[in-house]
PDB file of N, CA and C in Angstrom:
ATOM      1  N   MET A   1      84.061  35.675 343.138  1.00  0.00           N
ATOM      2  CA  MET A   1      84.554  36.259 341.908  1.00  0.00           C
ATOM      3  C   MET A   1      85.560  35.313 341.272  1.00  0.00           C
ATOM      4  N   LYS A   2      85.427  35.075 339.987  1.00  0.00           N
ATOM      5  CA  LYS A   2      86.338  34.176 339.292  1.00  0.00           C
ATOM      6  C   LYS A   2      87.680  34.844 339.092  1.00  0.00           C
ATOM      7  N   ARG A   3      88.728  34.036 339.271  1.00  0.00           N
ATOM      8  CA  ARG A   3      90.075  34.547 339.067  1.00  0.00           C
ATOM      9  C   ARG A   3      90.389  34.563 337.578  1.00  0.00           C
ATOM     10  N   ARG A   4      91.027  35.590 337.125  1.00  0.00           N
ATOM     11  CA  ARG A   4      91.426  35.706 335.722  1.00  0.00           C
ATOM     12  C   ARG A   4      92.934  35.552 335.625  1.00  0.00           C
ATOM     13  N   PHE A   5      93.353  34.911 334.559  1.00  0.00           N
ATOM     14  CA  PHE A   5      94.770  34.699 334.334  1.00  0.00           C
ATOM     15  C   PHE A   5      95.191  35.412 333.055  1.00  0.00           C
ATOM     16  N   SER A   6      96.409  35.899 333.067  1.00  0.00           N
ATOM     17  CA  SER A   6      96.950  36.510 331.850  1.00  0.00           C
ATOM     18  C   SER A   6      97.310  35.387 330.883  1.00  0.00           C
ATOM     19  N   GLY A   7      97.551  35.746 329.643  1.00  0.00           N
ATOM     20  CA  GLY A   7      97.976  34.764 328.655  1.00  0.00           C
ATOM     21  C   GLY A   7      99.250  34.056 329.089  1.00  0.00           C
ATOM     22  N   ARG A   8     100.172  34.793 329.625  1.00  0.00           N
ATOM     23  CA  ARG A   8     101.437  34.215 330.102  1.00  0.00           C
ATOM     24  C   ARG A   8     101.187  33.235 331.234  1.00  0.00           C
ATOM     25  N   GLN A   9     100.321  33.582 332.167  1.00  0.00           N
ATOM     26  CA  GLN A   9     100.012  32.682 333.278  1.00  0.00           C
ATOM     27  C   GLN A   9      99.375  31.381 332.772  1.00  0.00           C
ATOM     28  N   CYS A  10      98.501  31.498 331.807  1.00  0.00           N
ATOM     29  CA  CYS A  10      97.869  30.302 331.225  1.00  0.00           C
ATOM     30  C   CYS A  10      98.908  29.406 330.579  1.00  0.00           C
ATOM     31  N   LEU A  11      99.810  29.991 329.813  1.00  0.00           N
ATOM     32  CA  LEU A  11     100.847  29.192 329.156  1.00  0.00           C
ATOM     33  C   LEU A  11     101.768  28.522 330.171  1.00  0.00           C
ATOM     34  N   LEU A  12     102.072  29.213 331.248  1.00  0.00           N
ATOM     35  CA  LEU A  12     102.912  28.609 332.289  1.00  0.00           C
ATOM     36  C   LEU A  12     102.210  27.409 332.925  1.00  0.00           C
ATOM     37  N   LYS A  13     100.895  27.522 333.134  1.00  0.00           N
ATOM     38  CA  LYS A  13     100.139  26.396 333.697  1.00  0.00           C
ATOM     39  C   LYS A  13     100.110  25.223 332.724  1.00  0.00           C
ATOM     40  N   VAL A  14      99.901  25.505 331.455  1.00  0.00           N
ATOM     41  CA  VAL A  14      99.887  24.437 330.443  1.00  0.00           C
ATOM     42  C   VAL A  14     101.260  23.768 330.372  1.00  0.00           C
ATOM     43  N   ASP A  15     102.313  24.541 330.428  1.00  0.00           N
ATOM     44  CA  ASP A  15     103.664  23.993 330.354  1.00  0.00           C
ATOM     45  C   ASP A  15     103.997  23.087 331.540  1.00  0.00           C
ATOM     46  N   ARG A  16     103.305  23.271 332.651  1.00  0.00           N
ATOM     47  CA  ARG A  16     103.573  22.442 333.834  1.00  0.00           C
ATOM     48  C   ARG A  16     102.890  21.086 333.782  1.00  0.00           C
ATOM     49  N   VAL A  17     101.991  20.885 332.832  1.00  0.00           N
ATOM     50  CA  VAL A  17     101.313  19.594 332.717  1.00  0.00           C
ATOM     51  C   VAL A  17     102.318  18.563 332.211  1.00  0.00           C
ATOM     52  N   THR A  18     102.420  17.451 332.947  1.00  0.00           N
ATOM     53  CA  THR A  18     103.372  16.407 332.573  1.00  0.00           C
ATOM     54  C   THR A  18     102.671  15.303 331.794  1.00  0.00           C
ATOM     55  N   ARG A  19     103.470  14.436 331.193  1.00  0.00           N
ATOM     56  CA  ARG A  19     102.906  13.264 330.520  1.00  0.00           C
ATOM     57  C   ARG A  19     102.124  12.408 331.499  1.00  0.00           C
ATOM     58  N   ASP A  20     102.652  12.274 332.708  1.00  0.00           N
ATOM     59  CA  ASP A  20     101.956  11.486 333.729  1.00  0.00           C
ATOM     60  C   ASP A  20     100.601  12.108 334.076  1.00  0.00           C
ATOM     61  N   ASP A  21     100.548  13.437 334.173  1.00  0.00           N
ATOM     62  CA  ASP A  21      99.279  14.122 334.429  1.00  0.00           C
ATOM     63  C   ASP A  21      98.284  13.805 333.320  1.00  0.00           C
ATOM     64  N   PHE A  22      98.748  13.932 332.088  1.00  0.00           N
ATOM     65  CA  PHE A  22      97.886  13.694 330.934  1.00  0.00           C
ATOM     66  C   PHE A  22      97.401  12.248 330.913  1.00  0.00           C
ATOM     67  N   ALA A  23      98.310  11.305 331.138  1.00  0.00           N
ATOM     68  CA  ALA A  23      97.958   9.885 331.120  1.00  0.00           C
ATOM     69  C   ALA A  23      96.966   9.556 332.228  1.00  0.00           C
ATOM     70  N   ARG A  24      97.145  10.134 333.401  1.00  0.00           N
ATOM     71  CA  ARG A  24      96.247   9.883 334.532  1.00  0.00           C
ATOM     72  C   ARG A  24      94.830  10.362 334.227  1.00  0.00           C
ATOM     73  N   VAL A  25      94.713  11.551 333.690  1.00  0.00           N
ATOM     74  CA  VAL A  25      93.394  12.107 333.367  1.00  0.00           C
ATOM     75  C   VAL A  25      92.759  11.330 332.218  1.00  0.00           C
ATOM     76  N   ALA A  26      93.546  11.002 331.210  1.00  0.00           N
ATOM     77  CA  ALA A  26      93.014  10.230 330.076  1.00  0.00           C
ATOM     78  C   ALA A  26      92.512   8.870 330.534  1.00  0.00           C
ATOM     79  N   ALA A  27      93.282   8.194 331.383  1.00  0.00           N
ATOM     80  CA  ALA A  27      92.874   6.868 331.858  1.00  0.00           C
ATOM     81  C   ALA A  27      91.605   6.947 332.691  1.00  0.00           C
ATOM     82  N   ALA A  28      91.476   7.984 333.470  1.00  0.00           N
ATOM     83  CA  ALA A  28      90.317   8.105 334.359  1.00  0.00           C
ATOM     84  C   ALA A  28      89.060   8.566 333.630  1.00  0.00           C
ATOM     85  N   HIS A  29      89.205   9.414 332.617  1.00  0.00           N
ATOM     86  CA  HIS A  29      88.035  10.046 332.022  1.00  0.00           C
ATOM     87  C   HIS A  29      87.786   9.723 330.553  1.00  0.00           C
ATOM     88  N   LEU A  30      88.827   9.334 329.831  1.00  0.00           N
ATOM     89  CA  LEU A  30      88.656   9.113 328.395  1.00  0.00           C
ATOM     90  C   LEU A  30      88.769   7.650 328.000  1.00  0.00           C
ATOM     91  N   LEU A  31      89.627   6.910 328.672  1.00  0.00           N
ATOM     92  CA  LEU A  31      89.922   5.553 328.251  1.00  0.00           C
ATOM     93  C   LEU A  31      89.280   4.491 329.136  1.00  0.00           C
ATOM     94  N   SER A  32      88.373   4.889 329.992  1.00  0.00           N
ATOM     95  CA  SER A  32      87.702   3.897 330.823  1.00  0.00           C
ATOM     96  C   SER A  32      86.777   3.063 329.946  1.00  0.00           C
ATOM     97  N   PRO A  33      86.672   1.767 330.217  1.00  0.00           N
ATOM     98  CA  PRO A  33      85.896   0.872 329.348  1.00  0.00           C
ATOM     99  C   PRO A  33      84.459   1.325 329.088  1.00  0.00           C
ATOM    100  N   GLU A  34      83.818   1.912 330.058  1.00  0.00           N
ATOM    101  CA  GLU A  34      82.431   2.329 329.849  1.00  0.00           C
ATOM    102  C   GLU A  34      82.300   3.537 328.925  1.00  0.00           C
ATOM    103  N   ARG A  35      83.397   4.205 328.632  1.00  0.00           N
ATOM    104  CA  ARG A  35      83.360   5.360 327.728  1.00  0.00           C
ATOM    105  C   ARG A  35      83.822   5.036 326.314  1.00  0.00           C
ATOM    106  N   LEU A  36      84.420   3.870 326.106  1.00  0.00           N
ATOM    107  CA  LEU A  36      84.941   3.523 324.787  1.00  0.00           C
ATOM    108  C   LEU A  36      83.815   3.232 323.813  1.00  0.00           C
ATOM    109  N   ARG A  37      83.991   3.651 322.585  1.00  0.00           N
ATOM    110  CA  ARG A  37      83.013   3.422 321.518  1.00  0.00           C
ATOM    111  C   ARG A  37      83.762   2.966 320.277  1.00  0.00           C
ATOM    112  N   LEU A  38      83.083   2.261 319.428  1.00  0.00           N
ATOM    113  CA  LEU A  38      83.666   1.819 318.169  1.00  0.00           C
ATOM    114  C   LEU A  38      82.663   2.076 317.066  1.00  0.00           C
ATOM    115  N   ALA A  39      83.104   2.764 316.032  1.00  0.00           N
ATOM    116  CA  ALA A  39      82.271   2.987 314.853  1.00  0.00           C
ATOM    117  C   ALA A  39      83.000   2.401 313.659  1.00  0.00           C
ATOM    118  N   VAL A  40      82.274   1.662 312.853  1.00  0.00           N
ATOM    119  CA  VAL A  40      82.860   1.024 311.678  1.00  0.00           C
ATOM    120  C   VAL A  40      82.008   1.373 310.469  1.00  0.00           C
ATOM    121  N   ILE A  41      82.680   1.822 309.424  1.00  0.00           N
ATOM    122  CA  ILE A  41      81.996   2.136 308.177  1.00  0.00           C
ATOM    123  C   ILE A  41      82.555   1.192 307.123  1.00  0.00           C
ATOM    124  N   GLY A  42      81.688   0.550 306.414  1.00  0.00           N
ATOM    125  CA  GLY A  42      82.154  -0.482 305.493  1.00  0.00           C
ATOM    126  C   GLY A  42      81.414  -0.418 304.188  1.00  0.00           C
ATOM    127  N   PRO A  43      81.459  -1.350 303.357  1.00  0.00           N
ATOM    128  CA  PRO A  43      81.289  -2.780 303.583  1.00  0.00           C
ATOM    129  C   PRO A  43      82.626  -3.482 303.846  1.00  0.00           C
ATOM    130  N   PHE A  44      82.513  -4.601 304.554  1.00  0.00           N
ATOM    131  CA  PHE A  44      83.650  -5.449 304.845  1.00  0.00           C
ATOM    132  C   PHE A  44      83.305  -6.874 304.448  1.00  0.00           C
ATOM    133  N   GLU A  45      84.292  -7.558 303.939  1.00  0.00           N
ATOM    134  CA  GLU A  45      84.073  -8.940 303.533  1.00  0.00           C
ATOM    135  C   GLU A  45      83.930  -9.848 304.750  1.00  0.00           C
ATOM    136  N   ASP A  46      84.660  -9.511 305.822  1.00  0.00           N
ATOM    137  CA  ASP A  46      84.655 -10.376 307.000  1.00  0.00           C
ATOM    138  C   ASP A  46      84.438  -9.513 308.239  1.00  0.00           C
ATOM    139  N   SER A  47      83.310  -9.681 308.883  1.00  0.00           N
ATOM    140  CA  SER A  47      82.989  -8.869 310.061  1.00  0.00           C
ATOM    141  C   SER A  47      83.443  -9.528 311.357  1.00  0.00           C
ATOM    142  N   VAL A  48      84.088 -10.678 311.293  1.00  0.00           N
ATOM    143  CA  VAL A  48      84.493 -11.408 312.503  1.00  0.00           C
ATOM    144  C   VAL A  48      85.430 -10.563 313.357  1.00  0.00           C
ATOM    145  N   HIS A  49      86.377  -9.897 312.729  1.00  0.00           N
ATOM    146  CA  HIS A  49      87.319  -9.068 313.480  1.00  0.00           C
ATOM    147  C   HIS A  49      86.582  -8.005 314.302  1.00  0.00           C
ATOM    148  N   PHE A  50      85.633  -7.338 313.722  1.00  0.00           N
ATOM    149  CA  PHE A  50      84.892  -6.290 314.414  1.00  0.00           C
ATOM    150  C   PHE A  50      83.969  -6.879 315.485  1.00  0.00           C
ATOM    151  N   ALA A  51      83.386  -8.011 315.208  1.00  0.00           N
ATOM    152  CA  ALA A  51      82.539  -8.683 316.197  1.00  0.00           C
ATOM    153  C   ALA A  51      83.364  -9.041 317.436  1.00  0.00           C
ATOM    154  N   THR A  52      84.590  -9.468 317.208  1.00  0.00           N
ATOM    155  CA  THR A  52      85.494  -9.796 318.327  1.00  0.00           C
ATOM    156  C   THR A  52      85.781  -8.556 319.149  1.00  0.00           C
ATOM    157  N   LEU A  53      86.038  -7.436 318.502  1.00  0.00           N
ATOM    158  CA  LEU A  53      86.297  -6.191 319.225  1.00  0.00           C
ATOM    159  C   LEU A  53      85.087  -5.765 320.056  1.00  0.00           C
ATOM    160  N   LEU A  54      83.918  -5.901 319.499  1.00  0.00           N
ATOM    161  CA  LEU A  54      82.694  -5.491 320.195  1.00  0.00           C
ATOM    162  C   LEU A  54      82.360  -6.417 321.357  1.00  0.00           C
ATOM    163  N   ALA A  55      82.743  -7.673 321.250  1.00  0.00           N
ATOM    164  CA  ALA A  55      82.450  -8.644 322.298  1.00  0.00           C
ATOM    165  C   ALA A  55      83.318  -8.410 323.525  1.00  0.00           C
ATOM    166  N   GLY A  56      84.432  -7.712 323.352  1.00  0.00           N
ATOM    167  CA  GLY A  56      85.291  -7.411 324.470  1.00  0.00           C
ATOM    168  C   GLY A  56      86.274  -8.482 324.692  1.00  0.00           C
TER     169      GLY A  56
END
């Protein structure tokens, strides 16, 4: 059976999340190189800057 939390309990759990917790999860799941994407909408006069970013 799934445990249910009251609104107050949920807020207390959210309040306990630290910057370090957030940074650790972001680095592991959001900012890993294989997950990064780049989208560019243009036109641009010089695409060299974007080509450099895509090349890594």
